[in-house]
Amino acid sequence: MPPAIAPPAPFPYVPPSCEGYQLAMPNSAVAAKIARDFVGALLRSGAHSGVADDARLCVSEVVANVYCHTRSKLVRVEVLVGRGQVSVHVTNDYVGPPPEPLARPEGEGGRGLLVVNGLATSWGSTTRKVKSRRTKTVWFVLARPEPRSVPASAPDRESP
């Protein structure tokens, strides 16, 4: 009998003005690219194109961590698109702590969560028990940038 896979954790509350999207895929070397393309296409097609590149980078880092640091068979990406912000949840079936950044600044890798910390409005991780399985979710929120207001220009002075 194939192993039972826990469903993704639902968003606790989805206001009527928000839309939720989900993607489930095998935890593989190409999962980060698939998640990055999914989130990028989703956000560039709507009002959140200003955060699309940051969201692509953050989801890529988090999904890559699932591949590099867990034995989870499946990775799930959930995106909640609201009026002023985007929330992304990356869930796997491994409940260990998030990886620690490398102590050597010159080393390759080890900066994924530092990137998320620098770009996201907020982020964190949660664990959840579903039946007999435990899941871990790393989430982050990106706020849509406020439109820049153009300062009123000084009145033109007439030449004498």
N, C-alpha and C. Protein backbone atom coordinates (compact mmCIF):
# COMPACT_ATOMS: atom_id res chain seq x y z
N MET A 1 0.84 -1.16 0.00
CA MET A 1 0.00 0.00 0.00
C MET A 1 0.90 1.24 0.00
N PRO A 2 0.61 2.23 -0.86
CA PRO A 2 1.44 3.44 -0.91
C PRO A 2 1.29 4.24 0.38
N PRO A 3 2.34 4.99 0.75
CA PRO A 3 2.25 5.77 1.98
C PRO A 3 1.22 6.88 1.85
N ALA A 4 0.56 7.16 2.96
CA ALA A 4 -0.43 8.24 2.99
C ALA A 4 0.31 9.57 3.10
N ILE A 5 -0.10 10.52 2.31
CA ILE A 5 0.54 11.83 2.32
C ILE A 5 -0.45 12.81 2.92
N ALA A 6 0.01 13.54 3.93
CA ALA A 6 -0.86 14.50 4.60
C ALA A 6 -1.22 15.63 3.65
N PRO A 7 -2.48 16.08 3.70
CA PRO A 7 -2.85 17.21 2.85
C PRO A 7 -2.19 18.48 3.37
N PRO A 8 -2.07 19.48 2.52
CA PRO A 8 -1.45 20.72 2.99
C PRO A 8 -2.30 21.38 4.06
N ALA A 9 -1.63 22.11 4.93
CA ALA A 9 -2.35 22.85 5.97
C ALA A 9 -3.18 23.94 5.29
N PRO A 10 -4.46 24.02 5.62
CA PRO A 10 -5.28 25.06 4.98
C PRO A 10 -4.92 26.43 5.53
N PHE A 11 -5.19 27.45 4.73
CA PHE A 11 -5.04 28.79 5.25
C PHE A 11 -6.08 28.97 6.34
N PRO A 12 -5.70 29.56 7.48
CA PRO A 12 -6.64 29.67 8.58
C PRO A 12 -7.86 30.50 8.25
N TYR A 13 -7.69 31.52 7.46
CA TYR A 13 -8.82 32.38 7.12
C TYR A 13 -8.53 33.00 5.77
N VAL A 14 -9.43 32.84 4.84
CA VAL A 14 -9.27 33.44 3.53
C VAL A 14 -10.40 34.45 3.36
N PRO A 15 -10.09 35.75 3.48
CA PRO A 15 -11.14 36.74 3.28
C PRO A 15 -11.70 36.65 1.87
N PRO A 16 -12.93 37.08 1.67
CA PRO A 16 -13.54 36.98 0.34
C PRO A 16 -12.77 37.72 -0.74
N SER A 17 -11.98 38.72 -0.36
CA SER A 17 -11.25 39.49 -1.36
C SER A 17 -9.89 38.86 -1.70
N CYS A 18 -9.59 37.68 -1.15
CA CYS A 18 -8.31 37.01 -1.41
C CYS A 18 -8.53 35.78 -2.27
N GLU A 19 -7.45 35.39 -2.92
CA GLU A 19 -7.47 34.16 -3.72
C GLU A 19 -6.35 33.26 -3.25
N GLY A 20 -6.62 31.95 -3.16
CA GLY A 20 -5.62 30.98 -2.75
C GLY A 20 -5.28 30.03 -3.88
N TYR A 21 -4.00 29.71 -4.01
CA TYR A 21 -3.52 28.80 -5.05
C TYR A 21 -2.61 27.77 -4.41
N GLN A 22 -2.63 26.54 -4.92
CA GLN A 22 -1.81 25.47 -4.36
C GLN A 22 -1.11 24.70 -5.46
N LEU A 23 0.09 24.25 -5.12
CA LEU A 23 0.88 23.40 -6.02
C LEU A 23 1.53 22.33 -5.17
N ALA A 24 1.39 21.07 -5.57
CA ALA A 24 2.06 19.95 -4.89
C ALA A 24 2.93 19.25 -5.92
N MET A 25 4.16 18.90 -5.50
CA MET A 25 5.09 18.27 -6.43
C MET A 25 6.06 17.37 -5.67
N PRO A 26 6.70 16.45 -6.36
CA PRO A 26 7.72 15.64 -5.70
C PRO A 26 8.88 16.53 -5.26
N ASN A 27 9.48 16.18 -4.14
CA ASN A 27 10.65 16.89 -3.64
C ASN A 27 11.86 16.43 -4.45
N SER A 28 12.22 17.23 -5.43
CA SER A 28 13.30 16.85 -6.34
C SER A 28 14.19 18.05 -6.63
N ALA A 29 15.24 17.82 -7.39
CA ALA A 29 16.18 18.89 -7.73
C ALA A 29 15.53 19.99 -8.56
N VAL A 30 14.45 19.72 -9.26
CA VAL A 30 13.79 20.74 -10.08
C VAL A 30 12.61 21.39 -9.37
N ALA A 31 12.33 20.99 -8.14
CA ALA A 31 11.17 21.54 -7.43
C ALA A 31 11.28 23.04 -7.21
N ALA A 32 12.47 23.54 -6.91
CA ALA A 32 12.64 24.98 -6.68
C ALA A 32 12.31 25.77 -7.95
N LYS A 33 12.74 25.27 -9.10
CA LYS A 33 12.44 25.96 -10.36
C LYS A 33 10.95 25.93 -10.66
N ILE A 34 10.31 24.79 -10.42
CA ILE A 34 8.87 24.68 -10.67
C ILE A 34 8.12 25.65 -9.76
N ALA A 35 8.48 25.70 -8.48
CA ALA A 35 7.81 26.62 -7.55
C ALA A 35 8.07 28.07 -7.94
N ARG A 36 9.29 28.38 -8.31
CA ARG A 36 9.65 29.75 -8.72
C ARG A 36 8.83 30.18 -9.93
N ASP A 37 8.71 29.31 -10.93
CA ASP A 37 7.93 29.64 -12.13
C ASP A 37 6.45 29.78 -11.81
N PHE A 38 5.92 28.91 -10.95
CA PHE A 38 4.52 28.96 -10.54
C PHE A 38 4.20 30.29 -9.87
N VAL A 39 5.00 30.67 -8.88
CA VAL A 39 4.75 31.91 -8.14
C VAL A 39 4.96 33.12 -9.05
N GLY A 40 5.99 33.09 -9.88
CA GLY A 40 6.23 34.22 -10.78
C GLY A 40 5.09 34.44 -11.76
N ALA A 41 4.62 33.37 -12.39
CA ALA A 41 3.51 33.50 -13.34
C ALA A 41 2.25 33.99 -12.65
N LEU A 42 2.01 33.49 -11.47
CA LEU A 42 0.82 33.88 -10.72
C LEU A 42 0.84 35.37 -10.37
N LEU A 43 1.96 35.85 -9.87
CA LEU A 43 2.02 37.24 -9.40
C LEU A 43 2.20 38.24 -10.54
N ARG A 44 2.90 37.87 -11.57
CA ARG A 44 3.08 38.81 -12.69
C ARG A 44 1.80 39.04 -13.48
N SER A 45 0.87 38.13 -13.37
CA SER A 45 -0.38 38.27 -14.13
C SER A 45 -1.42 39.10 -13.38
N GLY A 46 -1.10 39.57 -12.19
CA GLY A 46 -2.07 40.34 -11.42
C GLY A 46 -1.49 41.63 -10.89
N ALA A 47 -2.10 42.11 -9.83
CA ALA A 47 -1.72 43.40 -9.26
C ALA A 47 -0.44 43.35 -8.43
N HIS A 48 0.15 42.18 -8.26
CA HIS A 48 1.32 42.04 -7.40
C HIS A 48 2.61 41.84 -8.18
N SER A 49 2.68 42.37 -9.38
CA SER A 49 3.90 42.19 -10.18
C SER A 49 5.11 42.85 -9.52
N GLY A 50 4.89 43.84 -8.66
CA GLY A 50 5.98 44.51 -7.97
C GLY A 50 6.72 43.63 -6.97
N VAL A 51 6.09 42.57 -6.49
CA VAL A 51 6.75 41.67 -5.55
C VAL A 51 7.06 40.31 -6.17
N ALA A 52 6.81 40.17 -7.47
CA ALA A 52 6.99 38.87 -8.12
C ALA A 52 8.43 38.37 -8.03
N ASP A 53 9.39 39.24 -8.30
CA ASP A 53 10.79 38.79 -8.26
C ASP A 53 11.23 38.41 -6.85
N ASP A 54 10.83 39.20 -5.84
CA ASP A 54 11.16 38.85 -4.45
C ASP A 54 10.49 37.54 -4.05
N ALA A 55 9.24 37.36 -4.45
CA ALA A 55 8.52 36.12 -4.11
C ALA A 55 9.17 34.92 -4.79
N ARG A 56 9.59 35.08 -6.04
CA ARG A 56 10.26 33.99 -6.76
C ARG A 56 11.54 33.59 -6.05
N LEU A 57 12.33 34.58 -5.65
CA LEU A 57 13.58 34.28 -4.97
C LEU A 57 13.35 33.60 -3.63
N CYS A 58 12.40 34.13 -2.85
CA CYS A 58 12.13 33.55 -1.53
C CYS A 58 11.61 32.13 -1.63
N VAL A 59 10.64 31.88 -2.52
CA VAL A 59 10.09 30.53 -2.62
C VAL A 59 11.14 29.56 -3.14
N SER A 60 12.01 30.03 -4.02
CA SER A 60 13.08 29.18 -4.53
C SER A 60 14.02 28.77 -3.40
N GLU A 61 14.39 29.71 -2.54
CA GLU A 61 15.28 29.41 -1.42
C GLU A 61 14.64 28.42 -0.44
N VAL A 62 13.37 28.63 -0.13
CA VAL A 62 12.70 27.75 0.85
C VAL A 62 12.51 26.34 0.28
N VAL A 63 12.09 26.23 -0.97
CA VAL A 63 11.91 24.91 -1.59
C VAL A 63 13.26 24.22 -1.75
N ALA A 64 14.29 24.95 -2.09
CA ALA A 64 15.63 24.35 -2.18
C ALA A 64 16.07 23.80 -0.82
N ASN A 65 15.72 24.49 0.27
CA ASN A 65 16.04 23.97 1.60
C ASN A 65 15.33 22.65 1.87
N VAL A 66 14.09 22.52 1.41
CA VAL A 66 13.37 21.26 1.58
C VAL A 66 14.13 20.14 0.87
N TYR A 67 14.58 20.42 -0.34
CA TYR A 67 15.30 19.39 -1.11
C TYR A 67 16.65 19.04 -0.46
N CYS A 68 17.37 20.06 -0.02
CA CYS A 68 18.72 19.84 0.51
C CYS A 68 18.75 19.29 1.93
N HIS A 69 17.74 19.61 2.73
CA HIS A 69 17.83 19.32 4.16
C HIS A 69 16.77 18.37 4.70
N THR A 70 15.90 17.83 3.84
CA THR A 70 14.88 16.92 4.36
C THR A 70 14.81 15.67 3.49
N ARG A 71 14.08 14.72 3.99
CA ARG A 71 13.79 13.49 3.22
C ARG A 71 12.32 13.44 2.83
N SER A 72 11.65 14.58 2.89
CA SER A 72 10.24 14.64 2.52
C SER A 72 10.06 14.19 1.07
N LYS A 73 9.03 13.42 0.82
CA LYS A 73 8.77 12.95 -0.54
C LYS A 73 8.01 13.99 -1.36
N LEU A 74 7.32 14.89 -0.67
CA LEU A 74 6.45 15.85 -1.35
C LEU A 74 6.69 17.24 -0.78
N VAL A 75 6.59 18.23 -1.61
CA VAL A 75 6.65 19.63 -1.17
C VAL A 75 5.41 20.32 -1.73
N ARG A 76 4.77 21.12 -0.89
CA ARG A 76 3.55 21.82 -1.27
C ARG A 76 3.77 23.32 -1.13
N VAL A 77 3.32 24.06 -2.12
CA VAL A 77 3.42 25.52 -2.10
C VAL A 77 2.00 26.07 -2.16
N GLU A 78 1.69 26.92 -1.20
CA GLU A 78 0.39 27.58 -1.16
C GLU A 78 0.62 29.08 -1.22
N VAL A 79 -0.16 29.75 -2.04
CA VAL A 79 -0.03 31.20 -2.20
C VAL A 79 -1.38 31.84 -1.93
N LEU A 80 -1.40 32.80 -1.05
CA LEU A 80 -2.60 33.56 -0.74
C LEU A 80 -2.36 34.98 -1.23
N VAL A 81 -3.13 35.39 -2.22
CA VAL A 81 -2.98 36.72 -2.82
C VAL A 81 -4.10 37.60 -2.29
N GLY A 82 -3.71 38.60 -1.51
CA GLY A 82 -4.67 39.55 -0.96
C GLY A 82 -4.55 40.89 -1.64
N ARG A 83 -5.31 41.83 -1.17
CA ARG A 83 -5.31 43.15 -1.79
C ARG A 83 -3.95 43.84 -1.65
N GLY A 84 -3.34 43.78 -0.46
CA GLY A 84 -2.10 44.50 -0.24
C GLY A 84 -0.89 43.64 0.02
N GLN A 85 -1.06 42.31 0.06
CA GLN A 85 0.08 41.45 0.36
C GLN A 85 -0.09 40.06 -0.22
N VAL A 86 1.02 39.34 -0.23
CA VAL A 86 1.06 37.96 -0.72
C VAL A 86 1.68 37.12 0.39
N SER A 87 1.03 36.00 0.72
CA SER A 87 1.58 35.05 1.69
C SER A 87 1.90 33.76 0.94
N VAL A 88 3.07 33.20 1.23
CA VAL A 88 3.47 31.94 0.61
C VAL A 88 3.83 30.97 1.71
N HIS A 89 3.28 29.76 1.64
CA HIS A 89 3.54 28.69 2.60
C HIS A 89 4.17 27.53 1.85
N VAL A 90 5.31 27.04 2.33
CA VAL A 90 5.97 25.88 1.74
C VAL A 90 5.96 24.78 2.80
N THR A 91 5.27 23.68 2.52
CA THR A 91 5.05 22.62 3.50
C THR A 91 5.74 21.33 3.05
N ASN A 92 6.35 20.65 4.04
CA ASN A 92 6.96 19.34 3.78
C ASN A 92 6.67 18.44 4.97
N ASP A 93 7.04 17.18 4.84
CA ASP A 93 6.74 16.19 5.87
C ASP A 93 7.91 15.94 6.81
N TYR A 94 8.75 16.92 7.00
CA TYR A 94 9.91 16.80 7.87
C TYR A 94 9.79 17.86 8.95
N VAL A 95 9.98 17.48 10.21
CA VAL A 95 9.72 18.43 11.29
C VAL A 95 10.97 18.92 12.01
N GLY A 96 12.13 18.70 11.45
CA GLY A 96 13.34 19.23 12.07
C GLY A 96 13.36 20.75 11.98
N PRO A 97 14.32 21.38 12.67
CA PRO A 97 14.40 22.84 12.62
C PRO A 97 14.86 23.32 11.26
N PRO A 98 14.57 24.58 10.90
CA PRO A 98 15.10 25.11 9.65
C PRO A 98 16.63 25.06 9.70
N PRO A 99 17.29 24.93 8.56
CA PRO A 99 18.75 24.87 8.57
C PRO A 99 19.36 26.16 9.09
N GLU A 100 20.48 26.02 9.78
CA GLU A 100 21.20 27.18 10.29
C GLU A 100 22.07 27.75 9.18
N PRO A 101 22.20 29.08 9.11
CA PRO A 101 23.12 29.66 8.12
C PRO A 101 24.56 29.21 8.41
N LEU A 102 25.36 29.10 7.37
CA LEU A 102 26.75 28.71 7.52
C LEU A 102 27.51 29.77 8.31
N ALA A 103 28.46 29.33 9.11
CA ALA A 103 29.27 30.26 9.90
C ALA A 103 30.29 30.98 9.02
N ARG A 104 30.67 30.37 7.90
CA ARG A 104 31.67 30.97 7.02
C ARG A 104 30.98 31.85 5.98
N PRO A 105 31.19 33.17 6.03
CA PRO A 105 30.53 34.03 5.05
C PRO A 105 31.01 33.81 3.62
N GLU A 106 32.22 33.28 3.46
CA GLU A 106 32.74 33.06 2.10
C GLU A 106 32.25 31.74 1.50
N GLY A 107 31.59 30.89 2.28
CA GLY A 107 31.13 29.60 1.79
C GLY A 107 29.98 29.73 0.82
N GLU A 108 29.83 28.70 -0.02
CA GLU A 108 28.71 28.68 -0.95
C GLU A 108 27.47 28.19 -0.22
N GLY A 109 26.35 28.82 -0.47
CA GLY A 109 25.10 28.41 0.12
C GLY A 109 24.97 28.84 1.56
N GLY A 110 23.86 28.45 2.17
CA GLY A 110 23.64 28.74 3.57
C GLY A 110 23.04 30.11 3.85
N ARG A 111 22.62 30.81 2.82
CA ARG A 111 22.09 32.15 3.03
C ARG A 111 20.61 32.27 2.66
N GLY A 112 19.96 31.17 2.36
CA GLY A 112 18.57 31.20 1.89
C GLY A 112 17.61 31.89 2.83
N LEU A 113 17.65 31.52 4.11
CA LEU A 113 16.74 32.15 5.06
C LEU A 113 17.15 33.58 5.38
N LEU A 114 18.43 33.90 5.22
CA LEU A 114 18.85 35.31 5.36
C LEU A 114 18.26 36.15 4.23
N VAL A 115 18.20 35.58 3.04
CA VAL A 115 17.58 36.27 1.91
C VAL A 115 16.09 36.49 2.19
N VAL A 116 15.41 35.44 2.65
CA VAL A 116 13.99 35.56 2.98
C VAL A 116 13.80 36.62 4.06
N ASN A 117 14.63 36.60 5.08
CA ASN A 117 14.53 37.58 6.16
C ASN A 117 14.70 39.01 5.63
N GLY A 118 15.59 39.19 4.68
CA GLY A 118 15.83 40.52 4.13
C GLY A 118 14.73 41.03 3.22
N LEU A 119 14.03 40.13 2.54
CA LEU A 119 13.02 40.54 1.56
C LEU A 119 11.60 40.54 2.09
N ALA A 120 11.29 39.63 3.00
CA ALA A 120 9.90 39.46 3.46
C ALA A 120 9.53 40.48 4.53
N THR A 121 8.26 40.84 4.54
CA THR A 121 7.72 41.68 5.60
C THR A 121 7.76 40.92 6.91
N SER A 122 7.42 39.63 6.86
CA SER A 122 7.52 38.74 8.01
C SER A 122 7.67 37.32 7.48
N TRP A 123 8.20 36.44 8.33
CA TRP A 123 8.35 35.04 7.94
C TRP A 123 8.50 34.21 9.21
N GLY A 124 8.33 32.90 9.08
CA GLY A 124 8.49 32.01 10.21
C GLY A 124 8.25 30.58 9.79
N SER A 125 8.17 29.70 10.78
CA SER A 125 7.88 28.30 10.48
C SER A 125 6.94 27.76 11.55
N THR A 126 6.13 26.81 11.16
CA THR A 126 5.18 26.17 12.06
C THR A 126 5.19 24.67 11.79
N THR A 127 4.82 23.90 12.79
CA THR A 127 4.62 22.46 12.60
C THR A 127 3.17 22.14 12.88
N ARG A 128 2.72 21.05 12.29
CA ARG A 128 1.31 20.65 12.42
C ARG A 128 1.25 19.14 12.39
N LYS A 129 0.38 18.59 13.21
CA LYS A 129 0.18 17.13 13.19
C LYS A 129 -1.11 16.83 12.45
N VAL A 130 -1.01 15.99 11.43
CA VAL A 130 -2.16 15.55 10.65
C VAL A 130 -2.20 14.04 10.75
N LYS A 131 -3.22 13.54 11.44
CA LYS A 131 -3.31 12.11 11.74
C LYS A 131 -2.04 11.69 12.46
N SER A 132 -1.28 10.77 11.91
CA SER A 132 -0.06 10.33 12.59
C SER A 132 1.19 11.01 12.02
N ARG A 133 1.02 11.89 11.07
CA ARG A 133 2.17 12.55 10.42
C ARG A 133 2.32 13.98 10.92
N ARG A 134 3.55 14.43 10.96
CA ARG A 134 3.84 15.82 11.29
C ARG A 134 4.35 16.52 10.04
N THR A 135 3.92 17.74 9.87
CA THR A 135 4.40 18.53 8.74
C THR A 135 5.03 19.81 9.25
N LYS A 136 5.88 20.38 8.44
CA LYS A 136 6.50 21.67 8.76
C LYS A 136 6.20 22.62 7.61
N THR A 137 5.85 23.84 7.97
CA THR A 137 5.59 24.88 6.99
C THR A 137 6.50 26.07 7.27
N VAL A 138 7.22 26.49 6.26
CA VAL A 138 7.95 27.76 6.32
C VAL A 138 7.13 28.73 5.48
N TRP A 139 6.79 29.87 6.07
CA TRP A 139 5.93 30.84 5.40
C TRP A 139 6.61 32.20 5.36
N PHE A 140 6.19 33.00 4.41
CA PHE A 140 6.65 34.39 4.36
C PHE A 140 5.57 35.26 3.74
N VAL A 141 5.62 36.53 4.08
CA VAL A 141 4.65 37.51 3.60
C VAL A 141 5.41 38.64 2.93
N LEU A 142 4.94 39.03 1.76
CA LEU A 142 5.50 40.18 1.05
C LEU A 142 4.38 41.19 0.84
N ALA A 143 4.65 42.45 1.18
CA ALA A 143 3.65 43.50 1.00
C ALA A 143 3.86 44.16 -0.35
N ARG A 144 2.75 44.47 -0.99
CA ARG A 144 2.82 45.17 -2.27
C ARG A 144 3.36 46.58 -2.02
N PRO A 145 4.35 47.00 -2.80
CA PRO A 145 4.89 48.35 -2.58
C PRO A 145 3.84 49.41 -2.82
N GLU A 146 3.90 50.42 -1.98
CA GLU A 146 2.99 51.55 -2.15
C GLU A 146 3.40 52.33 -3.39
N PRO A 147 2.42 52.83 -4.16
CA PRO A 147 2.79 53.64 -5.32
C PRO A 147 3.50 54.91 -4.86
N ARG A 148 4.54 55.25 -5.56
CA ARG A 148 5.27 56.46 -5.21
C ARG A 148 4.49 57.68 -5.69
N SER A 149 4.38 58.65 -4.81
CA SER A 149 3.71 59.88 -5.22
C SER A 149 4.75 60.82 -5.80
N VAL A 150 4.38 61.47 -6.84
CA VAL A 150 5.28 62.41 -7.50
C VAL A 150 5.15 63.73 -6.78
N PRO A 151 6.26 64.27 -6.26
CA PRO A 151 6.17 65.55 -5.55
C PRO A 151 5.74 66.66 -6.51
N ALA A 152 4.98 67.56 -5.96
CA ALA A 152 4.54 68.69 -6.77
C ALA A 152 5.76 69.49 -7.18
N SER A 153 5.81 69.83 -8.44
CA SER A 153 6.97 70.58 -8.92
C SER A 153 6.83 72.05 -8.55
N ALA A 154 7.96 72.68 -8.41
CA ALA A 154 7.94 74.12 -8.09
C ALA A 154 7.38 74.87 -9.26
N PRO A 155 6.66 75.93 -8.98
CA PRO A 155 6.10 76.71 -10.10
C PRO A 155 7.22 77.32 -10.94
N ASP A 156 6.96 77.33 -12.22
CA ASP A 156 7.94 77.91 -13.13
C ASP A 156 8.05 79.40 -12.89
N ARG A 157 9.27 79.86 -12.86
CA ARG A 157 9.48 81.31 -12.73
C ARG A 157 9.63 81.92 -14.11
N GLU A 158 9.02 83.04 -14.26
CA GLU A 158 9.14 83.70 -15.56
C GLU A 158 10.48 84.42 -15.64
N SER A 159 11.05 84.38 -16.77
CA SER A 159 12.31 85.10 -16.98
C SER A 159 12.02 86.59 -17.06
N PRO A 160 12.93 87.43 -16.47
CA PRO A 160 12.70 88.88 -16.56
C PRO A 160 12.92 89.41 -17.95
